[in-house]
PDB file of N, CA and C in Angstrom:
ATOM      1  N   GLY A   1     -51.502-148.083 -35.163  1.00  0.00           N
ATOM      2  CA  GLY A   1     -50.627-148.718 -34.234  1.00  0.00           C
ATOM      3  C   GLY A   1     -49.972-147.723 -33.295  1.00  0.00           C
ATOM      4  N   LYS A   2     -49.119-148.257 -32.438  1.00  0.00           N
ATOM      5  CA  LYS A   2     -48.439-147.449 -31.433  1.00  0.00           C
ATOM      6  C   LYS A   2     -47.346-146.578 -32.020  1.00  0.00           C
ATOM      7  N   GLY A   3     -46.757-146.996 -33.107  1.00  0.00           N
ATOM      8  CA  GLY A   3     -45.656-146.244 -33.679  1.00  0.00           C
ATOM      9  C   GLY A   3     -44.306-146.727 -33.174  1.00  0.00           C
ATOM     10  N   MET A   4     -44.224-147.129 -31.917  1.00  0.00           N
ATOM     11  CA  MET A   4     -42.976-147.634 -31.347  1.00  0.00           C
ATOM     12  C   MET A   4     -43.213-149.072 -30.881  1.00  0.00           C
ATOM     13  N   TYR A   5     -42.226-149.906 -31.094  1.00  0.00           N
ATOM     14  CA  TYR A   5     -42.347-151.287 -30.675  1.00  0.00           C
ATOM     15  C   TYR A   5     -41.323-151.570 -29.592  1.00  0.00           C
ATOM     16  N   THR A   6     -41.708-152.413 -28.665  1.00  0.00           N
ATOM     17  CA  THR A   6     -40.827-152.751 -27.551  1.00  0.00           C
ATOM     18  C   THR A   6     -40.106-154.061 -27.818  1.00  0.00           C
ATOM     19  N   SER A   7     -39.165-154.361 -26.951  1.00  0.00           N
ATOM     20  CA  SER A   7     -38.450-155.630 -27.027  1.00  0.00           C
ATOM     21  C   SER A   7     -39.416-156.801 -26.871  1.00  0.00           C
ATOM     22  N   GLU A   8     -40.435-156.607 -26.028  1.00  0.00           N
ATOM     23  CA  GLU A   8     -41.430-157.656 -25.827  1.00  0.00           C
ATOM     24  C   GLU A   8     -42.249-157.880 -27.102  1.00  0.00           C
ATOM     25  N   ASP A   9     -42.566-156.789 -27.817  1.00  0.00           N
ATOM     26  CA  ASP A   9     -43.283-156.907 -29.092  1.00  0.00           C
ATOM     27  C   ASP A   9     -42.454-157.719 -30.084  1.00  0.00           C
ATOM     28  N   LEU A  10     -41.161-157.425 -30.135  1.00  0.00           N
ATOM     29  CA  LEU A  10     -40.272-158.135 -31.050  1.00  0.00           C
ATOM     30  C   LEU A  10     -40.260-159.623 -30.710  1.00  0.00           C
ATOM     31  N   ASP A  11     -40.076-159.945 -29.440  1.00  0.00           N
ATOM     32  CA  ASP A  11     -40.077-161.354 -29.009  1.00  0.00           C
ATOM     33  C   ASP A  11     -41.376-162.045 -29.407  1.00  0.00           C
ATOM     34  N   ALA A  12     -42.496-161.401 -29.094  1.00  0.00           N
ATOM     35  CA  ALA A  12     -43.805-162.007 -29.366  1.00  0.00           C
ATOM     36  C   ALA A  12     -44.006-162.252 -30.853  1.00  0.00           C
ATOM     37  N   ASN A  13     -43.679-161.265 -31.677  1.00  0.00           N
ATOM     38  CA  ASN A  13     -43.880-161.411 -33.121  1.00  0.00           C
ATOM     39  C   ASN A  13     -42.934-162.427 -33.743  1.00  0.00           C
ATOM     40  N   LEU A  14     -41.673-162.399 -33.341  1.00  0.00           N
ATOM     41  CA  LEU A  14     -40.731-163.393 -33.864  1.00  0.00           C
ATOM     42  C   LEU A  14     -41.183-164.799 -33.489  1.00  0.00           C
ATOM     43  N   HIS A  15     -41.567-164.965 -32.237  1.00  0.00           N
ATOM     44  CA  HIS A  15     -41.986-166.291 -31.791  1.00  0.00           C
ATOM     45  C   HIS A  15     -43.254-166.729 -32.505  1.00  0.00           C
ATOM     46  N   LYS A  16     -44.218-165.825 -32.616  1.00  0.00           N
ATOM     47  CA  LYS A  16     -45.501-166.166 -33.244  1.00  0.00           C
ATOM     48  C   LYS A  16     -45.337-166.523 -34.714  1.00  0.00           C
ATOM     49  N   TYR A  17     -44.622-165.702 -35.466  1.00  0.00           N
ATOM     50  CA  TYR A  17     -44.580-165.877 -36.920  1.00  0.00           C
ATOM     51  C   TYR A  17     -43.458-166.777 -37.423  1.00  0.00           C
ATOM     52  N   ILE A  18     -42.428-166.989 -36.632  1.00  0.00           N
ATOM     53  CA  ILE A  18     -41.308-167.785 -37.130  1.00  0.00           C
ATOM     54  C   ILE A  18     -41.095-169.053 -36.318  1.00  0.00           C
ATOM     55  N   VAL A  19     -41.016-168.945 -35.012  1.00  0.00           N
ATOM     56  CA  VAL A  19     -40.692-170.113 -34.189  1.00  0.00           C
ATOM     57  C   VAL A  19     -41.894-171.038 -34.043  1.00  0.00           C
ATOM     58  N   ALA A  20     -43.023-170.529 -33.575  1.00  0.00           N
ATOM     59  CA  ALA A  20     -44.199-171.366 -33.303  1.00  0.00           C
ATOM     60  C   ALA A  20     -44.784-171.977 -34.564  1.00  0.00           C
ATOM     61  N   ASP A  21     -44.743-171.232 -35.669  1.00  0.00           N
ATOM     62  CA  ASP A  21     -45.319-171.725 -36.923  1.00  0.00           C
ATOM     63  C   ASP A  21     -44.304-172.494 -37.766  1.00  0.00           C
ATOM     64  N   LYS A  22     -43.173-172.819 -37.186  1.00  0.00           N
ATOM     65  CA  LYS A  22     -42.118-173.568 -37.872  1.00  0.00           C
ATOM     66  C   LYS A  22     -41.707-172.898 -39.183  1.00  0.00           C
ATOM     67  N   ALA A  23     -41.468-171.600 -39.094  1.00  0.00           N
ATOM     68  CA  ALA A  23     -40.898-170.779 -40.172  1.00  0.00           C
ATOM     69  C   ALA A  23     -41.680-170.764 -41.474  1.00  0.00           C
ATOM     70  N   PRO A  24     -42.975-170.405 -41.434  1.00  0.00           N
ATOM     71  CA  PRO A  24     -43.672-170.217 -42.707  1.00  0.00           C
ATOM     72  C   PRO A  24     -43.149-168.974 -43.424  1.00  0.00           C
ATOM     73  N   ILE A  25     -42.505-168.099 -42.658  1.00  0.00           N
ATOM     74  CA  ILE A  25     -41.888-166.897 -43.228  1.00  0.00           C
ATOM     75  C   ILE A  25     -40.443-167.248 -43.525  1.00  0.00           C
ATOM     76  N   THR A  26     -40.000-166.970 -44.736  1.00  0.00           N
ATOM     77  CA  THR A  26     -38.636-167.323 -45.118  1.00  0.00           C
ATOM     78  C   THR A  26     -37.683-166.139 -45.075  1.00  0.00           C
ATOM     79  N   ALA A  27     -38.231-164.910 -44.948  1.00  0.00           N
ATOM     80  CA  ALA A  27     -37.367-163.734 -44.930  1.00  0.00           C
ATOM     81  C   ALA A  27     -38.052-162.602 -44.189  1.00  0.00           C
ATOM     82  N   MET A  28     -37.236-161.717 -43.605  1.00  0.00           N
ATOM     83  CA  MET A  28     -37.783-160.531 -42.960  1.00  0.00           C
ATOM     84  C   MET A  28     -36.906-159.328 -43.266  1.00  0.00           C
ATOM     85  N   PHE A  29     -37.569-158.208 -43.532  1.00  0.00           N
ATOM     86  CA  PHE A  29     -36.896-156.940 -43.780  1.00  0.00           C
ATOM     87  C   PHE A  29     -37.196-156.047 -42.590  1.00  0.00           C
ATOM     88  N   CYS A  30     -36.160-155.671 -41.870  1.00  0.00           N
ATOM     89  CA  CYS A  30     -36.336-154.870 -40.657  1.00  0.00           C
ATOM     90  C   CYS A  30     -36.206-153.386 -40.991  1.00  0.00           C
ATOM     91  N   ALA A  31     -36.920-152.561 -40.242  1.00  0.00           N
ATOM     92  CA  ALA A  31     -36.933-151.117 -40.478  1.00  0.00           C
ATOM     93  C   ALA A  31     -35.576-150.474 -40.210  1.00  0.00           C
ATOM     94  N   ASN A  32     -34.741-151.142 -39.412  1.00  0.00           N
ATOM     95  CA  ASN A  32     -33.397-150.619 -39.154  1.00  0.00           C
ATOM     96  C   ASN A  32     -32.483-151.771 -38.739  1.00  0.00           C
ATOM     97  N   ASP A  33     -31.197-151.491 -38.740  1.00  0.00           N
ATOM     98  CA  ASP A  33     -30.213-152.526 -38.426  1.00  0.00           C
ATOM     99  C   ASP A  33     -30.301-153.006 -36.980  1.00  0.00           C
ATOM    100  N   LEU A  34     -30.629-152.116 -36.052  1.00  0.00           N
ATOM    101  CA  LEU A  34     -30.707-152.537 -34.654  1.00  0.00           C
ATOM    102  C   LEU A  34     -31.795-153.577 -34.455  1.00  0.00           C
ATOM    103  N   CYS A  35     -32.921-153.382 -35.111  1.00  0.00           N
ATOM    104  CA  CYS A  35     -34.001-154.369 -35.038  1.00  0.00           C
ATOM    105  C   CYS A  35     -33.545-155.687 -35.678  1.00  0.00           C
ATOM    106  N   ALA A  36     -32.833-155.605 -36.781  1.00  0.00           N
ATOM    107  CA  ALA A  36     -32.341-156.813 -37.456  1.00  0.00           C
ATOM    108  C   ALA A  36     -31.341-157.561 -36.574  1.00  0.00           C
ATOM    109  N   VAL A  37     -30.443-156.827 -35.931  1.00  0.00           N
ATOM    110  CA  VAL A  37     -29.454-157.443 -35.037  1.00  0.00           C
ATOM    111  C   VAL A  37     -30.150-158.130 -33.863  1.00  0.00           C
ATOM    112  N   GLU A  38     -31.117-157.443 -33.257  1.00  0.00           N
ATOM    113  CA  GLU A  38     -31.866-158.028 -32.138  1.00  0.00           C
ATOM    114  C   GLU A  38     -32.642-159.266 -32.593  1.00  0.00           C
ATOM    115  N   SER A  39     -33.237-159.199 -33.780  1.00  0.00           N
ATOM    116  CA  SER A  39     -33.972-160.345 -34.312  1.00  0.00           C
ATOM    117  C   SER A  39     -33.043-161.531 -34.516  1.00  0.00           C
ATOM    118  N   LEU A  40     -31.890-161.280 -35.092  1.00  0.00           N
ATOM    119  CA  LEU A  40     -30.913-162.337 -35.335  1.00  0.00           C
ATOM    120  C   LEU A  40     -30.474-162.991 -34.017  1.00  0.00           C
ATOM    121  N   LYS A  41     -30.201-162.170 -33.006  1.00  0.00           N
ATOM    122  CA  LYS A  41     -29.792-162.711 -31.704  1.00  0.00           C
ATOM    123  C   LYS A  41     -30.895-163.572 -31.088  1.00  0.00           C
ATOM    124  N   ARG A  42     -32.129-163.096 -31.136  1.00  0.00           N
ATOM    125  CA  ARG A  42     -33.230-163.853 -30.534  1.00  0.00           C
ATOM    126  C   ARG A  42     -33.467-165.170 -31.283  1.00  0.00           C
ATOM    127  N   LEU A  43     -33.448-165.108 -32.611  1.00  0.00           N
ATOM    128  CA  LEU A  43     -33.656-166.328 -33.399  1.00  0.00           C
ATOM    129  C   LEU A  43     -32.551-167.340 -33.131  1.00  0.00           C
ATOM    130  N   ASN A  44     -31.313-166.870 -33.009  1.00  0.00           N
ATOM    131  CA  ASN A  44     -30.206-167.780 -32.666  1.00  0.00           C
ATOM    132  C   ASN A  44     -30.453-168.464 -31.331  1.00  0.00           C
ATOM    133  N   ASN A  45     -30.956-167.715 -30.352  1.00  0.00           N
ATOM    134  CA  ASN A  45     -31.265-168.295 -29.030  1.00  0.00           C
ATOM    135  C   ASN A  45     -32.327-169.374 -29.122  1.00  0.00           C
ATOM    136  N   TRP A  46     -33.242-169.239 -30.085  1.00  0.00           N
ATOM    137  CA  TRP A  46     -34.321-170.211 -30.270  1.00  0.00           C
ATOM    138  C   TRP A  46     -33.937-171.302 -31.275  1.00  0.00           C
ATOM    139  N   LYS A  47     -32.663-171.345 -31.640  1.00  0.00           N
ATOM    140  CA  LYS A  47     -32.137-172.354 -32.567  1.00  0.00           C
ATOM    141  C   LYS A  47     -32.747-172.247 -33.973  1.00  0.00           C
ATOM    142  N   VAL A  48     -33.126-171.043 -34.359  1.00  0.00           N
ATOM    143  CA  VAL A  48     -33.580-170.775 -35.729  1.00  0.00           C
ATOM    144  C   VAL A  48     -32.367-170.251 -36.473  1.00  0.00           C
ATOM    145  N   ASN A  49     -31.985-170.925 -37.547  1.00  0.00           N
ATOM    146  CA  ASN A  49     -30.766-170.594 -38.268  1.00  0.00           C
ATOM    147  C   ASN A  49     -31.002-169.516 -39.319  1.00  0.00           C
ATOM    148  N   CYS A  50     -30.102-168.556 -39.333  1.00  0.00           N
ATOM    149  CA  CYS A  50     -30.094-167.523 -40.358  1.00  0.00           C
ATOM    150  C   CYS A  50     -28.837-167.732 -41.181  1.00  0.00           C
ATOM    151  N   PRO A  51     -28.927-167.910 -42.458  1.00  0.00           N
ATOM    152  CA  PRO A  51     -30.060-167.690 -43.346  1.00  0.00           C
ATOM    153  C   PRO A  51     -30.809-168.960 -43.746  1.00  0.00           C
ATOM    154  N   ASP A  52     -30.412-170.127 -43.251  1.00  0.00           N
ATOM    155  CA  ASP A  52     -31.053-171.363 -43.712  1.00  0.00           C
ATOM    156  C   ASP A  52     -32.546-171.409 -43.432  1.00  0.00           C
ATOM    157  N   ASP A  53     -32.955-171.020 -42.209  1.00  0.00           N
ATOM    158  CA  ASP A  53     -34.375-171.045 -41.855  1.00  0.00           C
ATOM    159  C   ASP A  53     -35.085-169.747 -42.233  1.00  0.00           C
ATOM    160  N   VAL A  54     -34.428-168.638 -42.003  1.00  0.00           N
ATOM    161  CA  VAL A  54     -35.025-167.332 -42.315  1.00  0.00           C
ATOM    162  C   VAL A  54     -33.905-166.350 -42.675  1.00  0.00           C
ATOM    163  N   SER A  55     -34.122-165.593 -43.752  1.00  0.00           N
ATOM    164  CA  SER A  55     -33.193-164.545 -44.159  1.00  0.00           C
ATOM    165  C   SER A  55     -33.578-163.247 -43.464  1.00  0.00           C
ATOM    166  N   ILE A  56     -32.567-162.416 -43.149  1.00  0.00           N
ATOM    167  CA  ILE A  56     -32.819-161.139 -42.480  1.00  0.00           C
ATOM    168  C   ILE A  56     -32.071-160.037 -43.211  1.00  0.00           C
ATOM    169  N   ILE A  57     -32.776-158.934 -43.458  1.00  0.00           N
ATOM    170  CA  ILE A  57     -32.171-157.737 -44.055  1.00  0.00           C
ATOM    171  C   ILE A  57     -32.461-156.557 -43.139  1.00  0.00           C
ATOM    172  N   GLY A  58     -31.445-155.750 -42.894  1.00  0.00           N
ATOM    173  CA  GLY A  58     -31.595-154.540 -42.093  1.00  0.00           C
ATOM    174  C   GLY A  58     -31.612-153.299 -42.972  1.00  0.00           C
ATOM    175  N   PHE A  59     -31.555-152.143 -42.320  1.00  0.00           N
ATOM    176  CA  PHE A  59     -31.575-150.871 -43.050  1.00  0.00           C
ATOM    177  C   PHE A  59     -30.765-149.861 -42.262  1.00  0.00           C
ATOM    178  N   ASP A  60     -29.705-149.345 -42.803  1.00  0.00           N
ATOM    179  CA  ASP A  60     -28.831-148.290 -42.261  1.00  0.00           C
ATOM    180  C   ASP A  60     -27.361-148.549 -42.561  1.00  0.00           C
ATOM    181  N   ASN A  61     -26.957-149.812 -42.605  1.00  0.00           N
ATOM    182  CA  ASN A  61     -25.563-150.216 -42.785  1.00  0.00           C
ATOM    183  C   ASN A  61     -24.682-149.716 -41.643  1.00  0.00           C
ATOM    184  N   LEU A  62     -25.117-149.996 -40.413  1.00  0.00           N
ATOM    185  CA  LEU A  62     -24.311-149.669 -39.247  1.00  0.00           C
ATOM    186  C   LEU A  62     -23.106-150.603 -39.180  1.00  0.00           C
ATOM    187  N   THR A  63     -22.052-150.161 -38.535  1.00  0.00           N
ATOM    188  CA  THR A  63     -20.821-150.947 -38.419  1.00  0.00           C
ATOM    189  C   THR A  63     -21.082-152.321 -37.798  1.00  0.00           C
ATOM    190  N   ILE A  64     -21.997-152.399 -36.855  1.00  0.00           N
ATOM    191  CA  ILE A  64     -22.274-153.661 -36.164  1.00  0.00           C
ATOM    192  C   ILE A  64     -22.718-154.767 -37.119  1.00  0.00           C
ATOM    193  N   THR A  65     -23.288-154.403 -38.271  1.00  0.00           N
ATOM    194  CA  THR A  65     -23.781-155.416 -39.208  1.00  0.00           C
ATOM    195  C   THR A  65     -22.656-156.293 -39.747  1.00  0.00           C
ATOM    196  N   GLU A  66     -21.434-155.744 -39.784  1.00  0.00           N
ATOM    197  CA  GLU A  66     -20.294-156.534 -40.265  1.00  0.00           C
ATOM    198  C   GLU A  66     -19.706-157.418 -39.175  1.00  0.00           C
ATOM    199  N   LEU A  67     -20.105-157.174 -37.933  1.00  0.00           N
ATOM    200  CA  LEU A  67     -19.549-157.915 -36.796  1.00  0.00           C
ATOM    201  C   LEU A  67     -20.418-159.088 -36.382  1.00  0.00           C
ATOM    202  N   MET A  68     -21.608-159.184 -36.960  1.00  0.00           N
ATOM    203  CA  MET A  68     -22.543-160.247 -36.607  1.00  0.00           C
ATOM    204  C   MET A  68     -22.141-161.553 -37.295  1.00  0.00           C
ATOM    205  N   SER A  69     -22.682-162.642 -36.801  1.00  0.00           N
ATOM    206  CA  SER A  69     -22.497-163.923 -37.465  1.00  0.00           C
ATOM    207  C   SER A  69     -23.872-164.554 -37.662  1.00  0.00           C
ATOM    208  N   PRO A  70     -24.317-164.644 -38.907  1.00  0.00           N
ATOM    209  CA  PRO A  70     -23.660-164.213 -40.134  1.00  0.00           C
ATOM    210  C   PRO A  70     -23.653-162.686 -40.248  1.00  0.00           C
ATOM    211  N   ARG A  71     -22.748-162.201 -41.098  1.00  0.00           N
ATOM    212  CA  ARG A  71     -22.718-160.757 -41.358  1.00  0.00           C
ATOM    213  C   ARG A  71     -24.049-160.369 -41.986  1.00  0.00           C
ATOM    214  N   LEU A  72     -24.617-159.260 -41.536  1.00  0.00           N
ATOM    215  CA  LEU A  72     -25.981-158.877 -41.876  1.00  0.00           C
ATOM    216  C   LEU A  72     -26.080-158.149 -43.214  1.00  0.00           C
ATOM    217  N   THR A  73     -26.938-158.654 -44.090  1.00  0.00           N
ATOM    218  CA  THR A  73     -27.281-157.942 -45.318  1.00  0.00           C
ATOM    219  C   THR A  73     -28.105-156.729 -44.920  1.00  0.00           C
ATOM    220  N   THR A  74     -27.842-155.595 -45.546  1.00  0.00           N
ATOM    221  CA  THR A  74     -28.505-154.354 -45.142  1.00  0.00           C
ATOM    222  C   THR A  74     -28.614-153.398 -46.327  1.00  0.00           C
ATOM    223  N   VAL A  75     -29.339-152.330 -46.115  1.00  0.00           N
ATOM    224  CA  VAL A  75     -29.464-151.272 -47.115  1.00  0.00           C
ATOM    225  C   VAL A  75     -28.667-150.080 -46.608  1.00  0.00           C
ATOM    226  N   SER A  76     -27.726-149.623 -47.422  1.00  0.00           N
ATOM    227  CA  SER A  76     -26.896-148.480 -47.063  1.00  0.00           C
ATOM    228  C   SER A  76     -27.563-147.195 -47.543  1.00  0.00           C
ATOM    229  N   VAL A  77     -27.601-146.216 -46.657  1.00  0.00           N
ATOM    230  CA  VAL A  77     -28.178-144.918 -47.008  1.00  0.00           C
ATOM    231  C   VAL A  77     -27.106-143.851 -46.835  1.00  0.00           C
ATOM    232  N   PRO A  78     -27.070-142.877 -47.757  1.00  0.00           N
ATOM    233  CA  PRO A  78     -26.058-141.820 -47.671  1.00  0.00           C
ATOM    234  C   PRO A  78     -26.454-140.761 -46.630  1.00  0.00           C
ATOM    235  N   LYS A  79     -26.056-140.990 -45.380  1.00  0.00           N
ATOM    236  CA  LYS A  79     -26.473-140.122 -44.281  1.00  0.00           C
ATOM    237  C   LYS A  79     -26.039-138.668 -44.476  1.00  0.00           C
ATOM    238  N   ALA A  80     -24.851-138.442 -45.028  1.00  0.00           N
ATOM    239  CA  ALA A  80     -24.374-137.070 -45.253  1.00  0.00           C
ATOM    240  C   ALA A  80     -25.265-136.349 -46.268  1.00  0.00           C
ATOM    241  N   VAL A  81     -25.673-137.056 -47.306  1.00  0.00           N
ATOM    242  CA  VAL A  81     -26.551-136.457 -48.324  1.00  0.00           C
ATOM    243  C   VAL A  81     -27.913-136.121 -47.717  1.00  0.00           C
ATOM    244  N   ILE A  82     -28.439-137.034 -46.900  1.00  0.00           N
ATOM    245  CA  ILE A  82     -29.729-136.794 -46.250  1.00  0.00           C
ATOM    246  C   ILE A  82     -29.630-135.576 -45.333  1.00  0.00           C
ATOM    247  N   GLY A  83     -28.568-135.486 -44.560  1.00  0.00           N
ATOM    248  CA  GLY A  83     -28.374-134.344 -43.667  1.00  0.00           C
ATOM    249  C   GLY A  83     -28.273-133.033 -44.426  1.00  0.00           C
ATOM    250  N   LEU A  84     -27.504-133.031 -45.509  1.00  0.00           N
ATOM    251  CA  LEU A  84     -27.345-131.828 -46.329  1.00  0.00           C
ATOM    252  C   LEU A  84     -28.676-131.381 -46.909  1.00  0.00           C
ATOM    253  N   ARG A  85     -29.429-132.323 -47.476  1.00  0.00           N
ATOM    254  CA  ARG A  85     -30.738-131.969 -48.064  1.00  0.00           C
ATOM    255  C   ARG A  85     -31.704-131.466 -46.996  1.00  0.00           C
ATOM    256  N   ALA A  86     -31.662-132.045 -45.802  1.00  0.00           N
ATOM    257  CA  ALA A  86     -32.537-131.603 -44.717  1.00  0.00           C
ATOM    258  C   ALA A  86     -32.216-130.167 -44.314  1.00  0.00           C
ATOM    259  N   VAL A  87     -30.939-129.845 -44.218  1.00  0.00           N
ATOM    260  CA  VAL A  87     -30.536-128.472 -43.870  1.00  0.00           C
ATOM    261  C   VAL A  87     -30.955-127.507 -44.969  1.00  0.00           C
ATOM    262  N   GLN A  88     -30.756-127.888 -46.228  1.00  0.00           N
ATOM    263  CA  GLN A  88     -31.172-127.024 -47.342  1.00  0.00           C
ATOM    264  C   GLN A  88     -32.670-126.751 -47.297  1.00  0.00           C
ATOM    265  N   MET A  89     -33.453-127.779 -47.033  1.00  0.00           N
ATOM    266  CA  MET A  89     -34.904-127.617 -46.969  1.00  0.00           C
ATOM    267  C   MET A  89     -35.305-126.734 -45.784  1.00  0.00           C
ATOM    268  N   LEU A  90     -34.626-126.900 -44.655  1.00  0.00           N
ATOM    269  CA  LEU A  90     -34.914-126.088 -43.480  1.00  0.00           C
ATOM    270  C   LEU A  90     -34.609-124.616 -43.752  1.00  0.00           C
ATOM    271  N   LEU A  91     -33.485-124.345 -44.400  1.00  0.00           N
ATOM    272  CA  LEU A  91     -33.124-122.960 -44.727  1.00  0.00           C
ATOM    273  C   LEU A  91     -34.134-122.336 -45.689  1.00  0.00           C
ATOM    274  N   LYS A  92     -34.601-123.101 -46.660  1.00  0.00           N
ATOM    275  CA  LYS A  92     -35.646-122.598 -47.565  1.00  0.00           C
ATOM    276  C   LYS A  92     -36.907-122.255 -46.785  1.00  0.00           C
ATOM    277  N   ARG A  93     -37.243-123.112 -45.835  1.00  0.00           N
ATOM    278  CA  ARG A  93     -38.457-122.908 -45.030  1.00  0.00           C
ATOM    279  C   ARG A  93     -38.320-121.668 -44.149  1.00  0.00           C
ATOM    280  N   ILE A  94     -37.112-121.433 -43.604  1.00  0.00           N
ATOM    281  CA  ILE A  94     -36.877-120.244 -42.781  1.00  0.00           C
ATOM    282  C   ILE A  94     -36.999-118.983 -43.633  1.00  0.00           C
ATOM    283  N   GLU A  95     -36.417-119.019 -44.840  1.00  0.00           N
ATOM    284  CA  GLU A  95     -36.481-117.870 -45.748  1.00  0.00           C
ATOM    285  C   GLU A  95     -37.904-117.603 -46.215  1.00  0.00           C
ATOM    286  N   ASN A  96     -38.674-118.669 -46.425  1.00  0.00           N
ATOM    287  CA  ASN A  96     -40.033-118.533 -46.921  1.00  0.00           C
ATOM    288  C   ASN A  96     -40.934-119.529 -46.180  1.00  0.00           C
ATOM    289  N   PRO A  97     -41.576-119.074 -45.081  1.00  0.00           N
ATOM    290  CA  PRO A  97     -42.415-119.985 -44.287  1.00  0.00           C
ATOM    291  C   PRO A  97     -43.546-120.634 -45.085  1.00  0.00           C
ATOM    292  N   LEU A  98     -43.908-120.076 -46.215  1.00  0.00           N
ATOM    293  CA  LEU A  98     -44.972-120.649 -47.031  1.00  0.00           C
ATOM    294  C   LEU A  98     -44.444-121.655 -48.052  1.00  0.00           C
ATOM    295  N   HIS A  99     -43.138-121.896 -48.031  1.00  0.00           N
ATOM    296  CA  HIS A  99     -42.528-122.860 -48.959  1.00  0.00           C
ATOM    297  C   HIS A  99     -43.167-124.230 -48.754  1.00  0.00           C
ATOM    298  N   PHE A 100     -43.613-124.812 -49.823  1.00  0.00           N
ATOM    299  CA  PHE A 100     -44.279-126.104 -49.745  1.00  0.00           C
ATOM    300  C   PHE A 100     -43.261-127.224 -49.553  1.00  0.00           C
ATOM    301  N   PRO A 101     -43.659-128.275 -48.865  1.00  0.00           N
ATOM    302  CA  PRO A 101     -42.759-129.430 -48.744  1.00  0.00           C
ATOM    303  C   PRO A 101     -42.417-129.962 -50.129  1.00  0.00           C
ATOM    304  N   GLU A 102     -41.253-130.557 -50.232  1.00  0.00           N
ATOM    305  CA  GLU A 102     -40.854-131.124 -51.517  1.00  0.00           C
ATOM    306  C   GLU A 102     -40.473-132.584 -51.341  1.00  0.00           C
ATOM    307  N   LEU A 103     -40.658-133.329 -52.399  1.00  0.00           N
ATOM    308  CA  LEU A 103     -40.295-134.740 -52.398  1.00  0.00           C
ATOM    309  C   LEU A 103     -38.837-134.856 -52.818  1.00  0.00           C
ATOM    310  N   VAL A 104     -38.054-135.549 -52.020  1.00  0.00           N
ATOM    311  CA  VAL A 104     -36.642-135.741 -52.313  1.00  0.00           C
ATOM    312  C   VAL A 104     -36.383-137.243 -52.390  1.00  0.00           C
ATOM    313  N   LEU A 105     -35.855-137.700 -53.490  1.00  0.00           N
ATOM    314  CA  LEU A 105     -35.505-139.113 -53.650  1.00  0.00           C
ATOM    315  C   LEU A 105     -33.994-139.255 -53.521  1.00  0.00           C
ATOM    316  N   ILE A 106     -33.576-140.139 -52.671  1.00  0.00           N
ATOM    317  CA  ILE A 106     -32.151-140.364 -52.450  1.00  0.00           C
ATOM    318  C   ILE A 106     -31.873-141.850 -52.664  1.00  0.00           C
ATOM    319  N   SER A 107     -30.880-142.136 -53.474  1.00  0.00           N
ATOM    320  CA  SER A 107     -30.543-143.523 -53.807  1.00  0.00           C
ATOM    321  C   SER A 107     -29.984-144.266 -52.600  1.00  0.00           C
ATOM    322  N   THR A 108     -30.311-145.532 -52.518  1.00  0.00           N
ATOM    323  CA  THR A 108     -29.766-146.423 -51.497  1.00  0.00           C
ATOM    324  C   THR A 108     -29.031-147.555 -52.206  1.00  0.00           C
ATOM    325  N   GLN A 109     -28.333-148.362 -51.440  1.00  0.00           N
ATOM    326  CA  GLN A 109     -27.595-149.477 -52.033  1.00  0.00           C
ATOM    327  C   GLN A 109     -27.744-150.715 -51.149  1.00  0.00           C
ATOM    328  N   LEU A 110     -28.098-151.825 -51.766  1.00  0.00           N
ATOM    329  CA  LEU A 110     -28.166-153.090 -51.041  1.00  0.00           C
ATOM    330  C   LEU A 110     -26.749-153.615 -50.828  1.00  0.00           C
ATOM    331  N   VAL A 111     -26.406-153.889 -49.565  1.00  0.00           N
ATOM    332  CA  VAL A 111     -25.092-154.433 -49.221  1.00  0.00           C
ATOM    333  C   VAL A 111     -25.308-155.906 -48.878  1.00  0.00           C
ATOM    334  N   GLU A 112     -24.956-156.764 -49.812  1.00  0.00           N
ATOM    335  CA  GLU A 112     -25.206-158.197 -49.651  1.00  0.00           C
ATOM    336  C   GLU A 112     -24.118-158.853 -48.813  1.00  0.00           C
ATOM    337  N   ARG A 113     -24.583-159.524 -47.745  1.00  0.00           N
ATOM    338  CA  ARG A 113     -23.675-160.237 -46.876  1.00  0.00           C
ATOM    339  C   ARG A 113     -24.238-161.640 -46.648  1.00  0.00           C
ATOM    340  N   GLY A 114     -24.038-162.190 -45.474  1.00  0.00           N
ATOM    341  CA  GLY A 114     -24.368-163.605 -45.274  1.00  0.00           C
ATOM    342  C   GLY A 114     -25.718-163.927 -44.673  1.00  0.00           C
ATOM    343  N   SER A 115     -26.588-162.941 -44.414  1.00  0.00           N
ATOM    344  CA  SER A 115     -27.823-163.248 -43.710  1.00  0.00           C
ATOM    345  C   SER A 115     -29.007-163.527 -44.636  1.00  0.00           C
ATOM    346  N   VAL A 116     -28.725-163.669 -45.926  1.00  0.00           N
ATOM    347  CA  VAL A 116     -29.782-163.949 -46.910  1.00  0.00           C
ATOM    348  C   VAL A 116     -29.350-165.134 -47.761  1.00  0.00           C
ATOM    349  N   ARG A 117     -30.317-166.033 -47.991  1.00  0.00           N
ATOM    350  CA  ARG A 117     -30.010-167.176 -48.863  1.00  0.00           C
ATOM    351  C   ARG A 117     -30.871-167.069 -50.115  1.00  0.00           C
ATOM    352  N   ALA A 118     -30.425-167.693 -51.163  1.00  0.00           N
ATOM    353  CA  ALA A 118     -31.186-167.722 -52.415  1.00  0.00           C
ATOM    354  C   ALA A 118     -32.323-168.716 -52.273  1.00  0.00           C
ATOM    355  N   ILE A 119     -33.485-168.336 -52.794  1.00  0.00           N
ATOM    356  CA  ILE A 119     -34.654-169.234 -52.803  1.00  0.00           C
ATOM    357  C   ILE A 119     -34.515-170.128 -54.021  1.00  0.00           C
ATOM    358  N   LYS A 120     -34.634-171.426 -53.807  1.00  0.00           N
ATOM    359  CA  LYS A 120     -34.477-172.366 -54.932  1.00  0.00           C
ATOM    360  C   LYS A 120     -35.813-172.766 -55.474  1.00  0.00           C
TER     361      LYS A 120
END
């Protein structure tokens, strides 16, 4: 794929998979909160209700997620921890250019708000 998606791509995919097909998809997980916010706004314009018609989850836990209606469920990531680990890895690489990449696992937390409904 292209790697980057445009606003037009978002419109086309939301319309194709949710609006035109009368919501065969009941939930969507967005790669970031901005995409989730934009999706929520577009679906509202098309009279698709969140969370009744489709649940939406974002990723980042940006402040804007609490200002949306409904408030957006999202995944919170510890940005300070990620930054610290990135700097540590960079310093290791500077000290030893042959240092192999390492796998770093960092815990996230689901922040449950109003944009997800329970499946019955």
